[in-house]
Amino acid sequence: MSTSLSRCVRTAGLVGAFIMTPYLGIHAGVVSAETIKAQLAFAPNVPPPITRTQPATVLVNLTSDEWLGPLSDDNNYEFWGFNKHVPGPMIRVMVGDTVEIRMKNNKDSKESHNIDFHAITGPGGGASLLNSEPGQESGGRFKMIIPGIFMYHCATASPSIPEHVANGMYGTIVVEPAGGLKPVDKEYQITQSEFYTKEGAEKGETMEFSYEAGLDERPSHVVYNGHMTSMVKNPLKAKAGETVRIFFTNVGPNFVDSFQLLEQPFDRVYTEGSLAAPPAENVKVTKVPTGGAVMVEFKVKTAGTYTLVDPVGNRKDLGAMGLLKVD
């Protein structure tokens, strides 16, 4: 396995929760007063902002699935993902919350799956508690102590962690700081990812994963939100004068991303997914490392079509482009 293809593998020191207990177990200091069910959202939509002032226990129900779906307008792909979406649903909580994850592996799956949360500090980001064979369910409780925007992904070693990520097993969790985020008019999420497929597939045929192409860093697709034209045929929307916030996650598994709004600079950029540090201002292009995230905010001043893009090489032509329609 190459170093490049393995960049998404968990490393020590990632920030997040520090308490982990067995599924449905009780641990002093872990259980919060109120128990609520998480409001999940699929890209490009996001869950509503946190309006609570007190921490809660937040129940998050996830499934791991393997299914056939469209990667482009011409070809299908056998995805692996969470809740039968690529990317998986965004989870939105706040500092101090206890997040209870329940993860069920579909009985029709061929592989075992789990979840490594970059928002959790501890062995494997909770993955050891969330291992599930086909048809099995697992779970764990995790305390959120650090705010930020973080990737989550499958970290099962068989057949390999990069293969699970390259096939679509990832999502984003936002841990809001105390007091929440400043209100804006529109919020969206974008996930950039690479797909590595075997050559020679004709129009209408199902594409297959190529481990060799991944090792060589030769993606056939570099896409936003799991499909080559997802944000071109279905643009984001806003009105002139509104402030737009985008949570952007780059899951790789190989490339460092450059994220750009062609028509104007970003007003504020919260680099490295940090919601604790002051933002950079008036940034034209921001860099997002593999496995990293960024939050950008900008006011659209005039009506028209705005373009969000990774301007590096031919990535735009491979699918790393989306539109924002401003009325």
Protein backbone atom coordinates (compact mmCIF):
# COMPACT_ATOMS: atom_id res chain seq x y z
CA MET A 1 0.00 0.00 0.00
CA SER A 2 1.47 3.35 -0.98
CA THR A 3 1.96 6.17 1.50
CA SER A 4 -0.24 8.42 -0.63
CA LEU A 5 -3.21 6.07 -0.72
CA SER A 6 -2.92 5.57 3.02
CA ARG A 7 -3.11 9.24 4.04
CA CYS A 8 -6.64 8.83 5.33
CA VAL A 9 -5.54 6.16 7.81
CA ARG A 10 -6.06 7.22 11.41
CA THR A 11 -3.08 8.78 13.19
CA ALA A 12 -2.62 9.50 16.88
CA GLY A 13 -3.49 12.90 18.31
CA LEU A 14 -6.64 13.79 16.37
CA VAL A 15 -8.90 15.94 18.55
CA GLY A 16 -12.39 15.24 19.80
CA ALA A 17 -13.97 13.13 22.46
CA PHE A 18 -12.03 11.50 25.23
CA ILE A 19 -14.57 9.20 26.88
CA MET A 20 -15.65 5.97 25.21
CA THR A 21 -17.88 3.36 26.80
CA PRO A 22 -19.44 0.11 25.60
CA TYR A 23 -22.68 0.36 23.68
CA LEU A 24 -25.54 1.46 25.96
CA GLY A 25 -23.20 1.31 28.95
CA ILE A 26 -23.31 3.90 31.73
CA HIS A 27 -20.20 5.89 32.54
CA ALA A 28 -20.01 8.63 35.15
CA GLY A 29 -19.86 12.03 33.49
CA VAL A 30 -20.91 10.73 30.09
CA VAL A 31 -24.71 10.69 30.09
CA SER A 32 -26.28 14.13 29.55
CA ALA A 33 -29.61 15.26 31.02
CA GLU A 34 -31.62 15.37 27.78
CA THR A 35 -31.70 12.61 25.17
CA ILE A 36 -32.56 13.60 21.59
CA LYS A 37 -32.44 12.00 18.16
CA ALA A 38 -29.95 13.57 15.76
CA GLN A 39 -31.30 15.46 12.75
CA LEU A 40 -29.15 14.14 9.91
CA ALA A 41 -28.90 15.65 6.43
CA PHE A 42 -27.53 14.51 3.09
CA ALA A 43 -25.37 16.72 0.88
CA PRO A 44 -25.68 19.45 -0.13
CA ASN A 45 -28.12 20.07 2.72
CA VAL A 46 -26.99 20.35 6.35
CA PRO A 47 -28.74 19.74 9.67
CA PRO A 48 -30.17 22.85 11.35
CA PRO A 49 -27.87 24.92 13.57
CA ILE A 50 -27.70 24.04 17.26
CA THR A 51 -30.01 26.27 19.30
CA ARG A 52 -29.68 24.38 22.57
CA THR A 53 -27.74 26.00 25.40
CA GLN A 54 -27.22 22.80 27.39
CA PRO A 55 -25.45 19.58 26.32
CA ALA A 56 -27.54 16.53 25.49
CA THR A 57 -27.15 12.87 24.65
CA VAL A 58 -27.59 12.72 20.87
CA LEU A 59 -28.65 9.42 19.27
CA VAL A 60 -27.20 8.83 15.79
CA ASN A 61 -28.42 5.84 13.77
CA LEU A 62 -26.21 4.83 10.86
CA THR A 63 -26.14 1.90 8.47
CA SER A 64 -23.32 0.61 6.29
CA ASP A 65 -24.47 -0.45 2.85
CA GLU A 66 -23.17 -1.72 -0.48
CA TRP A 67 -25.24 -0.86 -3.54
CA LEU A 68 -25.20 -0.04 -7.24
CA GLY A 69 -25.73 3.63 -8.11
CA PRO A 70 -24.79 6.35 -10.61
CA LEU A 71 -21.29 7.84 -10.45
CA SER A 72 -21.80 9.85 -13.65
CA ASP A 73 -24.53 10.37 -16.21
CA ASP A 74 -23.10 7.43 -18.19
CA ASN A 75 -22.02 4.81 -15.66
CA ASN A 76 -22.95 3.14 -12.40
CA TYR A 77 -20.57 2.09 -9.65
CA GLU A 78 -20.77 -0.35 -6.74
CA PHE A 79 -20.65 2.06 -3.81
CA TRP A 80 -19.93 1.31 -0.18
CA GLY A 81 -21.34 3.99 2.09
CA PHE A 82 -23.34 5.06 5.12
CA ASN A 83 -27.15 5.27 5.07
CA LYS A 84 -27.00 4.38 1.35
CA HIS A 85 -25.61 7.80 0.41
CA VAL A 86 -22.23 9.14 -0.70
CA PRO A 87 -21.21 11.08 1.25
CA GLY A 88 -22.89 9.72 4.35
CA PRO A 89 -25.17 11.99 6.38
CA MET A 90 -23.77 15.05 8.13
CA ILE A 91 -23.95 14.90 11.92
CA ARG A 92 -24.22 18.20 13.80
CA VAL A 93 -23.70 18.42 17.56
CA MET A 94 -22.14 20.79 20.12
CA VAL A 95 -19.28 20.76 22.57
CA GLY A 96 -20.33 18.91 25.71
CA ASP A 97 -22.77 16.59 23.94
CA THR A 98 -22.56 12.84 24.39
CA VAL A 99 -22.98 11.22 20.98
CA GLU A 100 -24.38 7.69 21.01
CA ILE A 101 -23.61 5.98 17.71
CA ARG A 102 -25.55 2.92 16.58
CA MET A 103 -24.18 1.36 13.42
CA LYS A 104 -25.82 -1.57 11.64
CA ASN A 105 -24.14 -3.36 8.75
CA ASN A 106 -26.67 -4.36 6.10
CA LYS A 107 -27.25 -8.12 6.01
CA ASP A 108 -26.59 -8.08 2.26
CA SER A 109 -23.13 -6.54 2.64
CA LYS A 110 -20.14 -8.60 1.56
CA GLU A 111 -17.66 -6.78 3.82
CA SER A 112 -17.34 -5.91 7.50
CA HIS A 113 -17.52 -2.18 8.24
CA ASN A 114 -16.95 0.25 11.10
CA ILE A 115 -16.52 4.02 11.66
CA ASP A 116 -13.48 6.06 12.62
CA PHE A 117 -14.56 9.55 13.77
CA HIS A 118 -11.85 12.21 13.51
CA ALA A 119 -13.87 14.11 16.14
CA ILE A 120 -13.02 11.45 18.73
CA THR A 121 -9.74 11.03 20.57
CA GLY A 122 -9.05 7.45 21.51
CA PRO A 123 -8.00 4.17 19.90
CA GLY A 124 -9.14 4.18 16.28
CA GLY A 125 -11.53 7.07 16.76
CA GLY A 126 -14.12 4.69 18.16
CA ALA A 127 -13.74 2.18 15.31
CA SER A 128 -13.03 -0.73 17.67
CA LEU A 129 -16.47 -0.30 19.26
CA LEU A 130 -18.23 0.05 15.93
CA ASN A 131 -17.01 -3.04 14.07
CA SER A 132 -19.97 -4.79 12.44
CA GLU A 133 -20.09 -7.92 10.33
CA PRO A 134 -22.90 -8.21 7.76
CA GLY A 135 -26.22 -8.23 9.59
CA GLN A 136 -24.69 -7.15 12.90
CA GLU A 137 -25.18 -3.94 14.92
CA SER A 138 -22.65 -2.21 17.18
CA GLY A 139 -22.40 1.05 19.06
CA GLY A 140 -20.67 3.33 21.52
CA ARG A 141 -20.94 6.60 23.43
CA PHE A 142 -18.50 9.44 22.90
CA LYS A 143 -18.11 12.81 24.62
CA MET A 144 -17.55 15.83 22.36
CA ILE A 145 -14.96 18.13 23.92
CA ILE A 146 -13.33 19.92 20.96
CA PRO A 147 -15.20 22.05 18.37
CA GLY A 148 -14.46 21.70 14.68
CA ILE A 149 -15.38 20.14 11.34
CA PHE A 150 -14.22 16.56 11.01
CA MET A 151 -14.34 13.65 8.60
CA TYR A 152 -15.61 10.21 9.59
CA HIS A 153 -14.87 7.09 7.55
CA CYS A 154 -14.71 3.31 7.58
CA ALA A 155 -11.42 2.03 8.98
CA THR A 156 -11.80 -1.70 8.44
CA ALA A 157 -8.45 -3.16 7.36
CA SER A 158 -10.02 -5.80 5.10
CA PRO A 159 -9.60 -5.44 2.17
CA SER A 160 -7.94 -2.08 3.07
CA ILE A 161 -8.86 1.25 4.65
CA PRO A 162 -8.14 3.22 1.44
CA GLU A 163 -10.45 0.92 -0.53
CA HIS A 164 -13.32 1.53 1.88
CA VAL A 165 -12.78 5.29 1.59
CA ALA A 166 -12.33 5.20 -2.19
CA ASN A 167 -15.64 3.33 -2.51
CA GLY A 168 -17.61 6.01 -0.64
CA MET A 169 -17.49 5.25 3.09
CA TYR A 170 -17.19 8.74 4.59
CA GLY A 171 -19.10 11.71 5.93
CA THR A 172 -18.76 14.87 8.02
CA ILE A 173 -19.45 15.65 11.67
CA VAL A 174 -19.63 19.26 12.85
CA VAL A 175 -19.06 19.96 16.54
CA GLU A 176 -20.25 23.50 17.21
CA PRO A 177 -18.50 25.59 19.87
CA ALA A 178 -20.28 26.79 22.99
CA GLY A 179 -22.73 29.49 21.94
CA GLY A 180 -23.04 28.05 18.43
CA LEU A 181 -22.09 29.55 15.09
CA LYS A 182 -23.09 33.01 13.95
CA PRO A 183 -26.35 32.81 11.95
CA VAL A 184 -26.13 33.09 8.15
CA ASP A 185 -28.75 33.03 5.40
CA LYS A 186 -27.80 29.76 3.67
CA GLU A 187 -25.74 26.73 4.70
CA TYR A 188 -24.52 23.87 2.50
CA GLN A 189 -22.05 20.99 2.62
CA ILE A 190 -19.68 19.77 -0.10
CA THR A 191 -17.48 16.69 0.02
CA GLN A 192 -14.73 16.21 -2.54
CA SER A 193 -13.56 12.67 -3.24
CA GLU A 194 -11.71 10.61 -5.83
CA PHE A 195 -12.88 7.42 -7.52
CA TYR A 196 -10.46 4.97 -9.10
CA THR A 197 -11.99 2.71 -11.73
CA LYS A 198 -10.75 0.16 -14.22
CA GLU A 199 -10.31 1.33 -17.79
CA GLY A 200 -12.47 0.25 -20.69
CA ALA A 201 -16.00 0.61 -19.31
CA GLU A 202 -18.48 1.52 -22.05
CA LYS A 203 -21.44 3.88 -21.63
CA GLY A 204 -24.09 2.16 -19.55
CA GLU A 205 -21.70 -0.37 -18.01
CA THR A 206 -20.93 -0.60 -14.30
CA MET A 207 -17.48 0.67 -13.40
CA GLU A 208 -15.25 -1.37 -11.10
CA PHE A 209 -12.74 -0.25 -8.48
CA SER A 210 -9.05 -0.33 -9.47
CA TYR A 211 -6.61 -0.67 -6.59
CA GLU A 212 -3.69 -0.18 -9.01
CA ALA A 213 -5.08 3.16 -10.21
CA GLY A 214 -5.36 4.24 -6.58
CA LEU A 215 -1.75 3.35 -5.90
CA ASP A 216 -0.71 5.35 -8.96
CA GLU A 217 -2.98 8.29 -8.00
CA ARG A 218 -4.83 8.12 -11.34
CA PRO A 219 -8.49 8.86 -10.55
CA SER A 220 -11.12 8.48 -13.23
CA HIS A 221 -13.40 10.85 -11.30
CA VAL A 222 -12.83 13.69 -8.80
CA VAL A 223 -16.31 14.63 -7.69
CA TYR A 224 -18.42 16.78 -5.42
CA ASN A 225 -20.97 14.93 -3.29
CA GLY A 226 -20.56 11.51 -4.84
CA HIS A 227 -21.52 12.21 -8.46
CA MET A 228 -19.72 13.81 -11.39
CA THR A 229 -22.48 16.36 -12.12
CA SER A 230 -24.29 16.50 -8.77
CA MET A 231 -23.84 20.25 -8.27
CA VAL A 232 -24.02 21.23 -11.92
CA LYS A 233 -27.45 19.76 -12.63
CA ASN A 234 -28.64 20.69 -9.13
CA PRO A 235 -26.90 23.98 -8.24
CA LEU A 236 -26.83 25.49 -4.78
CA LYS A 237 -29.18 28.47 -4.44
CA ALA A 238 -29.06 31.88 -2.78
CA LYS A 239 -30.36 35.43 -3.23
CA ALA A 240 -28.28 38.53 -3.85
CA GLY A 241 -27.21 40.05 -0.56
CA GLU A 242 -27.36 36.76 1.36
CA THR A 243 -24.43 35.27 3.24
CA VAL A 244 -23.61 31.67 2.34
CA ARG A 245 -21.73 29.22 4.56
CA ILE A 246 -20.20 26.05 3.13
CA PHE A 247 -18.78 23.15 5.15
CA PHE A 248 -16.23 21.57 2.81
CA THR A 249 -14.57 18.20 3.50
CA ASN A 250 -11.83 16.62 1.40
CA VAL A 251 -11.84 12.86 2.01
CA GLY A 252 -9.23 12.03 -0.66
CA PRO A 253 -7.98 9.37 -0.36
CA ASN A 254 -4.97 10.88 -2.19
CA PHE A 255 -5.19 14.52 -3.26
CA VAL A 256 -4.78 17.76 -1.37
CA ASP A 257 -7.62 19.97 -2.59
CA SER A 258 -7.71 23.60 -3.71
CA PHE A 259 -11.18 25.08 -3.16
CA GLN A 260 -12.08 28.23 -5.08
CA LEU A 261 -15.08 30.44 -5.78
CA LEU A 262 -14.27 31.89 -9.20
CA GLU A 263 -16.40 35.03 -9.06
CA GLN A 264 -15.16 36.52 -5.76
CA PRO A 265 -12.97 35.78 -2.74
CA PHE A 266 -14.31 34.05 0.34
CA ASP A 267 -15.02 36.64 3.02
CA ARG A 268 -13.97 34.30 5.83
CA VAL A 269 -12.13 30.98 5.81
CA TYR A 270 -11.89 28.77 8.90
CA THR A 271 -8.84 26.74 7.95
CA GLU A 272 -8.11 23.12 8.89
CA GLY A 273 -11.71 22.74 10.07
CA SER A 274 -10.99 24.80 13.20
CA LEU A 275 -13.93 26.63 14.75
CA ALA A 276 -11.82 27.94 17.64
CA ALA A 277 -9.23 30.03 15.75
CA PRO A 278 -10.03 33.39 14.10
CA PRO A 279 -10.80 33.05 10.38
CA ALA A 280 -8.62 34.27 7.54
CA GLU A 281 -10.30 37.02 5.52
CA ASN A 282 -10.62 37.76 1.79
CA VAL A 283 -9.17 34.44 0.60
CA LYS A 284 -9.40 33.57 -3.09
CA VAL A 285 -8.28 29.91 -2.91
CA THR A 286 -8.03 27.76 0.22
CA LYS A 287 -6.12 24.50 0.60
CA VAL A 288 -7.82 21.48 2.18
CA PRO A 289 -5.60 18.49 3.09
CA THR A 290 -6.65 14.90 2.60
CA GLY A 291 -8.91 13.95 5.49
CA GLY A 292 -9.34 17.63 6.38
CA ALA A 293 -12.06 20.24 6.20
CA VAL A 294 -12.69 23.96 5.94
CA MET A 295 -15.62 26.30 6.56
CA VAL A 296 -16.05 29.27 4.23
CA GLU A 297 -18.48 32.19 4.37
CA PHE A 298 -19.21 34.83 1.73
CA LYS A 299 -21.89 37.35 0.82
CA VAL A 300 -23.11 37.11 -2.77
CA LYS A 301 -23.46 40.68 -3.92
CA THR A 302 -25.09 40.33 -7.33
CA ALA A 303 -27.34 37.88 -9.16
CA GLY A 304 -25.78 35.36 -11.53
CA THR A 305 -24.15 31.95 -11.69
CA TYR A 306 -21.17 31.40 -9.40
CA THR A 307 -18.69 28.55 -9.82
CA LEU A 308 -17.11 26.44 -7.07
CA VAL A 309 -14.15 24.44 -8.30
CA ASP A 310 -10.89 22.65 -7.67
CA PRO A 311 -8.70 24.51 -10.20
CA VAL A 312 -5.78 22.05 -10.11
CA GLY A 313 -5.02 20.29 -13.41
CA ASN A 314 -8.00 18.57 -14.99
CA ARG A 315 -9.93 17.95 -11.77
CA LYS A 316 -12.72 20.26 -12.94
CA ASP A 317 -13.18 18.06 -16.01
CA LEU A 318 -13.27 14.94 -13.80
CA GLY A 319 -16.16 16.36 -11.78
CA ALA A 320 -14.74 18.74 -9.13
CA MET A 321 -17.04 21.62 -10.03
CA GLY A 322 -20.34 22.94 -8.79
CA LEU A 323 -22.62 25.91 -9.41
CA LEU A 324 -24.32 28.43 -7.13
CA LYS A 325 -27.37 30.14 -8.67
CA VAL A 326 -27.98 33.60 -7.20
CA ASP A 327 -31.30 35.33 -7.90
